[in-house]
Amino acid sequence: MKALALDPMYLPALDNLANLDIVAKKPEDARQRYEAALARDKKNAALMTSLANLEARVGKPADAGRWLEQAAKENPDDRAAARQLASF
């Protein structure tokens, strides 16, 4: 939590807390963490990819696909986002 207090966009800390939320069977809390960060940076491909990974983990492949499509659309020059969408 201290890392997020210093930098609310620090993805490793967000990912770790989201993993803890999933283990605690609170995927909605994890989703809210990512969406709050995404509200600060609406085109952040890494956050959208993390949201896609979350949705895939909780059994929502359609939502995962939408996040990957949005990441690729909002960041057309981001090869990692395009690659992940293609492999999905």
PDB file of N, CA and C in Angstrom:
ATOM      1  N   MET A   1       0.820  -1.192   0.000  1.00  0.00           N
ATOM      2  CA  MET A   1       0.000   0.000   0.000  1.00  0.00           C
ATOM      3  C   MET A   1       0.867   1.260   0.000  1.00  0.00           C
ATOM      4  N   LYS A   2       2.023   1.195   0.643  1.00  0.00           N
ATOM      5  CA  LYS A   2       2.875   2.370   0.704  1.00  0.00           C
ATOM      6  C   LYS A   2       3.349   2.758  -0.695  1.00  0.00           C
ATOM      7  N   ALA A   3       3.644   1.745  -1.526  1.00  0.00           N
ATOM      8  CA  ALA A   3       4.079   2.039  -2.898  1.00  0.00           C
ATOM      9  C   ALA A   3       2.986   2.786  -3.647  1.00  0.00           C
ATOM     10  N   LEU A   4       1.734   2.396  -3.455  1.00  0.00           N
ATOM     11  CA  LEU A   4       0.641   3.088  -4.135  1.00  0.00           C
ATOM     12  C   LEU A   4       0.395   4.475  -3.555  1.00  0.00           C
ATOM     13  N   ALA A   5       0.729   4.658  -2.298  1.00  0.00           N
ATOM     14  CA  ALA A   5       0.607   5.997  -1.720  1.00  0.00           C
ATOM     15  C   ALA A   5       1.610   6.942  -2.372  1.00  0.00           C
ATOM     16  N   LEU A   6       2.785   6.409  -2.714  1.00  0.00           N
ATOM     17  CA  LEU A   6       3.804   7.216  -3.378  1.00  0.00           C
ATOM     18  C   LEU A   6       3.510   7.391  -4.863  1.00  0.00           C
ATOM     19  N   ASP A   7       3.009   6.324  -5.497  1.00  0.00           N
ATOM     20  CA  ASP A   7       2.713   6.362  -6.922  1.00  0.00           C
ATOM     21  C   ASP A   7       1.476   5.505  -7.187  1.00  0.00           C
ATOM     22  N   PRO A   8       0.302   6.125  -7.290  1.00  0.00           N
ATOM     23  CA  PRO A   8      -0.929   5.357  -7.462  1.00  0.00           C
ATOM     24  C   PRO A   8      -1.002   4.571  -8.772  1.00  0.00           C
ATOM     25  N   MET A   9      -0.049   4.796  -9.669  1.00  0.00           N
ATOM     26  CA  MET A   9      -0.028   4.102 -10.948  1.00  0.00           C
ATOM     27  C   MET A   9       1.023   2.991 -10.992  1.00  0.00           C
ATOM     28  N   TYR A  10       1.623   2.663  -9.857  1.00  0.00           N
ATOM     29  CA  TYR A  10       2.690   1.663  -9.817  1.00  0.00           C
ATOM     30  C   TYR A  10       2.089   0.283 -10.038  1.00  0.00           C
ATOM     31  N   LEU A  11       2.232  -0.220 -11.259  1.00  0.00           N
ATOM     32  CA  LEU A  11       1.551  -1.440 -11.680  1.00  0.00           C
ATOM     33  C   LEU A  11       1.944  -2.681 -10.876  1.00  0.00           C
ATOM     34  N   PRO A  12       3.213  -2.895 -10.520  1.00  0.00           N
ATOM     35  CA  PRO A  12       3.520  -4.093  -9.723  1.00  0.00           C
ATOM     36  C   PRO A  12       2.747  -4.140  -8.398  1.00  0.00           C
ATOM     37  N   ALA A  13       2.585  -3.000  -7.757  1.00  0.00           N
ATOM     38  CA  ALA A  13       1.828  -2.970  -6.501  1.00  0.00           C
ATOM     39  C   ALA A  13       0.347  -3.219  -6.767  1.00  0.00           C
ATOM     40  N   LEU A  14      -0.182  -2.621  -7.823  1.00  0.00           N
ATOM     41  CA  LEU A  14      -1.579  -2.866  -8.180  1.00  0.00           C
ATOM     42  C   LEU A  14      -1.816  -4.351  -8.472  1.00  0.00           C
ATOM     43  N   ASP A  15      -0.896  -4.946  -9.235  1.00  0.00           N
ATOM     44  CA  ASP A  15      -1.028  -6.372  -9.564  1.00  0.00           C
ATOM     45  C   ASP A  15      -0.983  -7.241  -8.315  1.00  0.00           C
ATOM     46  N   ASN A  16      -0.077  -6.940  -7.406  1.00  0.00           N
ATOM     47  CA  ASN A  16       0.034  -7.732  -6.169  1.00  0.00           C
ATOM     48  C   ASN A  16      -1.221  -7.621  -5.317  1.00  0.00           C
ATOM     49  N   LEU A  17      -1.746  -6.403  -5.188  1.00  0.00           N
ATOM     50  CA  LEU A  17      -2.967  -6.230  -4.405  1.00  0.00           C
ATOM     51  C   LEU A  17      -4.159  -6.895  -5.090  1.00  0.00           C
ATOM     52  N   ALA A  18      -4.199  -6.832  -6.411  1.00  0.00           N
ATOM     53  CA  ALA A  18      -5.275  -7.505  -7.143  1.00  0.00           C
ATOM     54  C   ALA A  18      -5.198  -9.014  -6.935  1.00  0.00           C
ATOM     55  N   ASN A  19      -3.988  -9.551  -6.943  1.00  0.00           N
ATOM     56  CA  ASN A  19      -3.835 -10.985  -6.677  1.00  0.00           C
ATOM     57  C   ASN A  19      -4.342 -11.347  -5.287  1.00  0.00           C
ATOM     58  N   LEU A  20      -4.050 -10.513  -4.309  1.00  0.00           N
ATOM     59  CA  LEU A  20      -4.551 -10.754  -2.954  1.00  0.00           C
ATOM     60  C   LEU A  20      -6.077 -10.686  -2.922  1.00  0.00           C
ATOM     61  N   ASP A  21      -6.647  -9.742  -3.666  1.00  0.00           N
ATOM     62  CA  ASP A  21      -8.105  -9.643  -3.736  1.00  0.00           C
ATOM     63  C   ASP A  21      -8.709 -10.917  -4.328  1.00  0.00           C
ATOM     64  N   ILE A  22      -8.079 -11.446  -5.354  1.00  0.00           N
ATOM     65  CA  ILE A  22      -8.596 -12.657  -5.989  1.00  0.00           C
ATOM     66  C   ILE A  22      -8.504 -13.840  -5.028  1.00  0.00           C
ATOM     67  N   VAL A  23      -7.390 -13.955  -4.338  1.00  0.00           N
ATOM     68  CA  VAL A  23      -7.237 -15.035  -3.356  1.00  0.00           C
ATOM     69  C   VAL A  23      -8.315 -14.914  -2.271  1.00  0.00           C
ATOM     70  N   ALA A  24      -8.646 -13.693  -1.911  1.00  0.00           N
ATOM     71  CA  ALA A  24      -9.677 -13.455  -0.895  1.00  0.00           C
ATOM     72  C   ALA A  24     -11.090 -13.544  -1.482  1.00  0.00           C
ATOM     73  N   LYS A  25     -11.172 -13.950  -2.761  1.00  0.00           N
ATOM     74  CA  LYS A  25     -12.454 -14.083  -3.458  1.00  0.00           C
ATOM     75  C   LYS A  25     -13.199 -12.756  -3.544  1.00  0.00           C
ATOM     76  N   LYS A  26     -12.434 -11.690  -3.844  1.00  0.00           N
ATOM     77  CA  LYS A  26     -13.001 -10.354  -4.009  1.00  0.00           C
ATOM     78  C   LYS A  26     -12.534  -9.757  -5.338  1.00  0.00           C
ATOM     79  N   PRO A  27     -12.885 -10.404  -6.458  1.00  0.00           N
ATOM     80  CA  PRO A  27     -12.409  -9.887  -7.742  1.00  0.00           C
ATOM     81  C   PRO A  27     -12.933  -8.484  -8.063  1.00  0.00           C
ATOM     82  N   GLU A  28     -14.082  -8.139  -7.513  1.00  0.00           N
ATOM     83  CA  GLU A  28     -14.618  -6.796  -7.764  1.00  0.00           C
ATOM     84  C   GLU A  28     -13.700  -5.734  -7.158  1.00  0.00           C
ATOM     85  N   ASP A  29     -13.093  -6.033  -6.007  1.00  0.00           N
ATOM     86  CA  ASP A  29     -12.141  -5.093  -5.405  1.00  0.00           C
ATOM     87  C   ASP A  29     -10.928  -4.913  -6.318  1.00  0.00           C
ATOM     88  N   ALA A  30     -10.463  -6.007  -6.887  1.00  0.00           N
ATOM     89  CA  ALA A  30      -9.324  -5.935  -7.813  1.00  0.00           C
ATOM     90  C   ALA A  30      -9.694  -5.102  -9.031  1.00  0.00           C
ATOM     91  N   ARG A  31     -10.882  -5.339  -9.572  1.00  0.00           N
ATOM     92  CA  ARG A  31     -11.351  -4.593 -10.738  1.00  0.00           C
ATOM     93  C   ARG A  31     -11.410  -3.092 -10.417  1.00  0.00           C
ATOM     94  N   GLN A  32     -11.918  -2.767  -9.239  1.00  0.00           N
ATOM     95  CA  GLN A  32     -12.020  -1.360  -8.838  1.00  0.00           C
ATOM     96  C   GLN A  32     -10.651  -0.711  -8.709  1.00  0.00           C
ATOM     97  N   ARG A  33      -9.658  -1.452  -8.226  1.00  0.00           N
ATOM     98  CA  ARG A  33      -8.295  -0.911  -8.116  1.00  0.00           C
ATOM     99  C   ARG A  33      -7.776  -0.508  -9.490  1.00  0.00           C
ATOM    100  N   TYR A  34      -7.911  -1.450 -10.434  1.00  0.00           N
ATOM    101  CA  TYR A  34      -7.423  -1.173 -11.780  1.00  0.00           C
ATOM    102  C   TYR A  34      -8.206  -0.039 -12.443  1.00  0.00           C
ATOM    103  N   GLU A  35      -9.517  -0.047 -12.279  1.00  0.00           N
ATOM    104  CA  GLU A  35     -10.324   0.988 -12.917  1.00  0.00           C
ATOM    105  C   GLU A  35     -10.051   2.364 -12.327  1.00  0.00           C
ATOM    106  N   ALA A  36      -9.763   2.425 -11.035  1.00  0.00           N
ATOM    107  CA  ALA A  36      -9.416   3.714 -10.416  1.00  0.00           C
ATOM    108  C   ALA A  36      -8.109   4.250 -11.000  1.00  0.00           C
ATOM    109  N   ALA A  37      -7.148   3.364 -11.199  1.00  0.00           N
ATOM    110  CA  ALA A  37      -5.884   3.793 -11.812  1.00  0.00           C
ATOM    111  C   ALA A  37      -6.109   4.186 -13.265  1.00  0.00           C
ATOM    112  N   LEU A  38      -6.950   3.425 -13.967  1.00  0.00           N
ATOM    113  CA  LEU A  38      -7.224   3.715 -15.372  1.00  0.00           C
ATOM    114  C   LEU A  38      -7.942   5.057 -15.523  1.00  0.00           C
ATOM    115  N   ALA A  39      -8.707   5.449 -14.538  1.00  0.00           N
ATOM    116  CA  ALA A  39      -9.375   6.753 -14.582  1.00  0.00           C
ATOM    117  C   ALA A  39      -8.354   7.893 -14.598  1.00  0.00           C
ATOM    118  N   ARG A  40      -7.176   7.654 -14.048  1.00  0.00           N
ATOM    119  CA  ARG A  40      -6.104   8.658 -14.035  1.00  0.00           C
ATOM    120  C   ARG A  40      -5.369   8.715 -15.373  1.00  0.00           C
ATOM    121  N   ASP A  41      -5.320   7.582 -16.059  1.00  0.00           N
ATOM    122  CA  ASP A  41      -4.606   7.480 -17.328  1.00  0.00           C
ATOM    123  C   ASP A  41      -5.430   6.588 -18.253  1.00  0.00           C
ATOM    124  N   LYS A  42      -6.393   7.192 -18.926  1.00  0.00           N
ATOM    125  CA  LYS A  42      -7.412   6.453 -19.668  1.00  0.00           C
ATOM    126  C   LYS A  42      -6.898   5.613 -20.828  1.00  0.00           C
ATOM    127  N   LYS A  43      -5.674   5.843 -21.275  1.00  0.00           N
ATOM    128  CA  LYS A  43      -5.136   5.098 -22.409  1.00  0.00           C
ATOM    129  C   LYS A  43      -4.007   4.152 -22.022  1.00  0.00           C
ATOM    130  N   ASN A  44      -3.877   3.848 -20.753  1.00  0.00           N
ATOM    131  CA  ASN A  44      -2.772   3.028 -20.271  1.00  0.00           C
ATOM    132  C   ASN A  44      -2.971   1.566 -20.675  1.00  0.00           C
ATOM    133  N   ALA A  45      -2.194   1.136 -21.647  1.00  0.00           N
ATOM    134  CA  ALA A  45      -2.314  -0.227 -22.180  1.00  0.00           C
ATOM    135  C   ALA A  45      -1.979  -1.281 -21.124  1.00  0.00           C
ATOM    136  N   ALA A  46      -1.016  -1.013 -20.277  1.00  0.00           N
ATOM    137  CA  ALA A  46      -0.633  -1.992 -19.253  1.00  0.00           C
ATOM    138  C   ALA A  46      -1.777  -2.228 -18.267  1.00  0.00           C
ATOM    139  N   LEU A  47      -2.476  -1.170 -17.892  1.00  0.00           N
ATOM    140  CA  LEU A  47      -3.620  -1.324 -16.990  1.00  0.00           C
ATOM    141  C   LEU A  47      -4.749  -2.090 -17.665  1.00  0.00           C
ATOM    142  N   MET A  48      -4.995  -1.788 -18.937  1.00  0.00           N
ATOM    143  CA  MET A  48      -6.046  -2.505 -19.662  1.00  0.00           C
ATOM    144  C   MET A  48      -5.692  -3.982 -19.807  1.00  0.00           C
ATOM    145  N   THR A  49      -4.424  -4.255 -20.007  1.00  0.00           N
ATOM    146  CA  THR A  49      -3.970  -5.647 -20.097  1.00  0.00           C
ATOM    147  C   THR A  49      -4.133  -6.350 -18.753  1.00  0.00           C
ATOM    148  N   SER A  50      -3.821  -5.652 -17.673  1.00  0.00           N
ATOM    149  CA  SER A  50      -4.019  -6.236 -16.344  1.00  0.00           C
ATOM    150  C   SER A  50      -5.499  -6.506 -16.083  1.00  0.00           C
ATOM    151  N   LEU A  51      -6.357  -5.597 -16.521  1.00  0.00           N
ATOM    152  CA  LEU A  51      -7.796  -5.825 -16.385  1.00  0.00           C
ATOM    153  C   LEU A  51      -8.228  -7.028 -17.215  1.00  0.00           C
ATOM    154  N   ALA A  52      -7.677  -7.171 -18.404  1.00  0.00           N
ATOM    155  CA  ALA A  52      -7.997  -8.326 -19.245  1.00  0.00           C
ATOM    156  C   ALA A  52      -7.563  -9.617 -18.560  1.00  0.00           C
ATOM    157  N   ASN A  53      -6.376  -9.603 -17.972  1.00  0.00           N
ATOM    158  CA  ASN A  53      -5.886 -10.786 -17.265  1.00  0.00           C
ATOM    159  C   ASN A  53      -6.790 -11.132 -16.086  1.00  0.00           C
ATOM    160  N   LEU A  54      -7.239 -10.104 -15.373  1.00  0.00           N
ATOM    161  CA  LEU A  54      -8.152 -10.319 -14.256  1.00  0.00           C
ATOM    162  C   LEU A  54      -9.445 -10.966 -14.740  1.00  0.00           C
ATOM    163  N   GLU A  55     -10.025 -10.413 -15.795  1.00  0.00           N
ATOM    164  CA  GLU A  55     -11.283 -10.953 -16.310  1.00  0.00           C
ATOM    165  C   GLU A  55     -11.112 -12.397 -16.776  1.00  0.00           C
ATOM    166  N   ALA A  56      -9.997 -12.689 -17.394  1.00  0.00           N
ATOM    167  CA  ALA A  56      -9.740 -14.067 -17.823  1.00  0.00           C
ATOM    168  C   ALA A  56      -9.632 -14.994 -16.617  1.00  0.00           C
ATOM    169  N   ARG A  57      -8.990 -14.531 -15.572  1.00  0.00           N
ATOM    170  CA  ARG A  57      -8.820 -15.358 -14.363  1.00  0.00           C
ATOM    171  C   ARG A  57     -10.136 -15.671 -13.679  1.00  0.00           C
ATOM    172  N   VAL A  58     -11.077 -14.730 -13.756  1.00  0.00           N
ATOM    173  CA  VAL A  58     -12.356 -14.938 -13.067  1.00  0.00           C
ATOM    174  C   VAL A  58     -13.422 -15.505 -14.004  1.00  0.00           C
ATOM    175  N   GLY A  59     -12.995 -15.960 -15.172  1.00  0.00           N
ATOM    176  CA  GLY A  59     -13.916 -16.647 -16.069  1.00  0.00           C
ATOM    177  C   GLY A  59     -14.780 -15.755 -16.928  1.00  0.00           C
ATOM    178  N   LYS A  60     -14.282 -14.590 -17.280  1.00  0.00           N
ATOM    179  CA  LYS A  60     -15.024 -13.673 -18.145  1.00  0.00           C
ATOM    180  C   LYS A  60     -14.208 -13.367 -19.404  1.00  0.00           C
ATOM    181  N   PRO A  61     -14.076 -14.356 -20.298  1.00  0.00           N
ATOM    182  CA  PRO A  61     -13.239 -14.156 -21.482  1.00  0.00           C
ATOM    183  C   PRO A  61     -13.736 -13.053 -22.415  1.00  0.00           C
ATOM    184  N   ALA A  62     -15.039 -12.847 -22.499  1.00  0.00           N
ATOM    185  CA  ALA A  62     -15.555 -11.782 -23.369  1.00  0.00           C
ATOM    186  C   ALA A  62     -15.094 -10.418 -22.866  1.00  0.00           C
ATOM    187  N   ASP A  63     -15.148 -10.218 -21.554  1.00  0.00           N
ATOM    188  CA  ASP A  63     -14.682  -8.953 -20.974  1.00  0.00           C
ATOM    189  C   ASP A  63     -13.178  -8.808 -21.157  1.00  0.00           C
ATOM    190  N   ALA A  64     -12.454  -9.906 -21.016  1.00  0.00           N
ATOM    191  CA  ALA A  64     -11.006  -9.878 -21.226  1.00  0.00           C
ATOM    192  C   ALA A  64     -10.701  -9.432 -22.656  1.00  0.00           C
ATOM    193  N   GLY A  65     -11.412 -10.003 -23.599  1.00  0.00           N
ATOM    194  CA  GLY A  65     -11.204  -9.629 -25.001  1.00  0.00           C
ATOM    195  C   GLY A  65     -11.495  -8.166 -25.254  1.00  0.00           C
ATOM    196  N   ARG A  66     -12.539  -7.646 -24.634  1.00  0.00           N
ATOM    197  CA  ARG A  66     -12.872  -6.222 -24.814  1.00  0.00           C
ATOM    198  C   ARG A  66     -11.758  -5.312 -24.287  1.00  0.00           C
ATOM    199  N   TRP A  67     -11.176  -5.687 -23.145  1.00  0.00           N
ATOM    200  CA  TRP A  67     -10.084  -4.869 -22.604  1.00  0.00           C
ATOM    201  C   TRP A  67      -8.866  -4.915 -23.525  1.00  0.00           C
ATOM    202  N   LEU A  68      -8.571  -6.092 -24.070  1.00  0.00           N
ATOM    203  CA  LEU A  68      -7.423  -6.202 -24.978  1.00  0.00           C
ATOM    204  C   LEU A  68      -7.677  -5.429 -26.267  1.00  0.00           C
ATOM    205  N   GLU A  69      -8.902  -5.479 -26.764  1.00  0.00           N
ATOM    206  CA  GLU A  69      -9.239  -4.705 -27.962  1.00  0.00           C
ATOM    207  C   GLU A  69      -9.099  -3.215 -27.698  1.00  0.00           C
ATOM    208  N   GLN A  70      -9.566  -2.781 -26.535  1.00  0.00           N
ATOM    209  CA  GLN A  70      -9.467  -1.361 -26.197  1.00  0.00           C
ATOM    210  C   GLN A  70      -8.007  -0.940 -26.050  1.00  0.00           C
ATOM    211  N   ALA A  71      -7.189  -1.782 -25.433  1.00  0.00           N
ATOM    212  CA  ALA A  71      -5.763  -1.458 -25.277  1.00  0.00           C
ATOM    213  C   ALA A  71      -5.104  -1.286 -26.636  1.00  0.00           C
ATOM    214  N   ALA A  72      -5.408  -2.185 -27.566  1.00  0.00           N
ATOM    215  CA  ALA A  72      -4.820  -2.101 -28.903  1.00  0.00           C
ATOM    216  C   ALA A  72      -5.359  -0.894 -29.664  1.00  0.00           C
ATOM    217  N   LYS A  73      -6.638  -0.604 -29.501  1.00  0.00           N
ATOM    218  CA  LYS A  73      -7.258   0.534 -30.196  1.00  0.00           C
ATOM    219  C   LYS A  73      -6.710   1.866 -29.692  1.00  0.00           C
ATOM    220  N   GLU A  74      -6.610   1.998 -28.379  1.00  0.00           N
ATOM    221  CA  GLU A  74      -6.147   3.255 -27.781  1.00  0.00           C
ATOM    222  C   GLU A  74      -4.640   3.461 -27.949  1.00  0.00           C
ATOM    223  N   ASN A  75      -3.910   2.382 -28.195  1.00  0.00           N
ATOM    224  CA  ASN A  75      -2.453   2.437 -28.295  1.00  0.00           C
ATOM    225  C   ASN A  75      -1.998   1.692 -29.550  1.00  0.00           C
ATOM    226  N   PRO A  76      -2.296   2.228 -30.731  1.00  0.00           N
ATOM    227  CA  PRO A  76      -2.012   1.494 -31.972  1.00  0.00           C
ATOM    228  C   PRO A  76      -0.533   1.199 -32.205  1.00  0.00           C
ATOM    229  N   ASP A  77       0.346   1.936 -31.574  1.00  0.00           N
ATOM    230  CA  ASP A  77       1.782   1.700 -31.750  1.00  0.00           C
ATOM    231  C   ASP A  77       2.362   0.759 -30.696  1.00  0.00           C
ATOM    232  N   ASP A  78       1.541   0.316 -29.766  1.00  0.00           N
ATOM    233  CA  ASP A  78       2.002  -0.576 -28.697  1.00  0.00           C
ATOM    234  C   ASP A  78       1.976  -2.015 -29.202  1.00  0.00           C
ATOM    235  N   ARG A  79       3.142  -2.528 -29.524  1.00  0.00           N
ATOM    236  CA  ARG A  79       3.229  -3.878 -30.079  1.00  0.00           C
ATOM    237  C   ARG A  79       2.843  -4.948 -29.064  1.00  0.00           C
ATOM    238  N   ALA A  80       3.149  -4.710 -27.805  1.00  0.00           N
ATOM    239  CA  ALA A  80       2.816  -5.701 -26.774  1.00  0.00           C
ATOM    240  C   ALA A  80       1.302  -5.870 -26.666  1.00  0.00           C
ATOM    241  N   ALA A  81       0.569  -4.763 -26.712  1.00  0.00           N
ATOM    242  CA  ALA A  81      -0.891  -4.838 -26.632  1.00  0.00           C
ATOM    243  C   ALA A  81      -1.449  -5.579 -27.854  1.00  0.00           C
ATOM    244  N   ALA A  82      -0.930  -5.277 -29.022  1.00  0.00           N
ATOM    245  CA  ALA A  82      -1.384  -5.952 -30.239  1.00  0.00           C
ATOM    246  C   ALA A  82      -1.044  -7.433 -30.196  1.00  0.00           C
ATOM    247  N   ARG A  83       0.133  -7.761 -29.712  1.00  0.00           N
ATOM    248  CA  ARG A  83       0.558  -9.158 -29.618  1.00  0.00           C
ATOM    249  C   ARG A  83      -0.333  -9.939 -28.650  1.00  0.00           C
ATOM    250  N   GLN A  84      -0.649  -9.339 -27.522  1.00  0.00           N
ATOM    251  CA  GLN A  84      -1.484 -10.035 -26.550  1.00  0.00           C
ATOM    252  C   GLN A  84      -2.901 -10.230 -27.105  1.00  0.00           C
ATOM    253  N   LEU A  85      -3.420  -9.235 -27.796  1.00  0.00           N
ATOM    254  CA  LEU A  85      -4.737  -9.371 -28.415  1.00  0.00           C
ATOM    255  C   LEU A  85      -4.719 -10.489 -29.443  1.00  0.00           C
ATOM    256  N   ALA A  86      -3.686 -10.535 -30.254  1.00  0.00           N
ATOM    257  CA  ALA A  86      -3.590 -11.564 -31.292  1.00  0.00           C
ATOM    258  C   ALA A  86      -3.494 -12.959 -30.683  1.00  0.00           C
ATOM    259  N   SER A  87      -2.773 -13.098 -29.585  1.00  0.00           N
ATOM    260  CA  SER A  87      -2.629 -14.413 -28.966  1.00  0.00           C
ATOM    261  C   SER A  87      -3.869 -14.821 -28.185  1.00  0.00           C
ATOM    262  N   PHE A  88      -4.699 -13.840 -27.824  1.00  0.00           N
ATOM    263  CA  PHE A  88      -5.918 -14.136 -27.090  1.00  0.00           C
ATOM    264  C   PHE A  88      -6.905 -14.821 -28.023  1.00  0.00           C
TER     265      PHE A  88
END
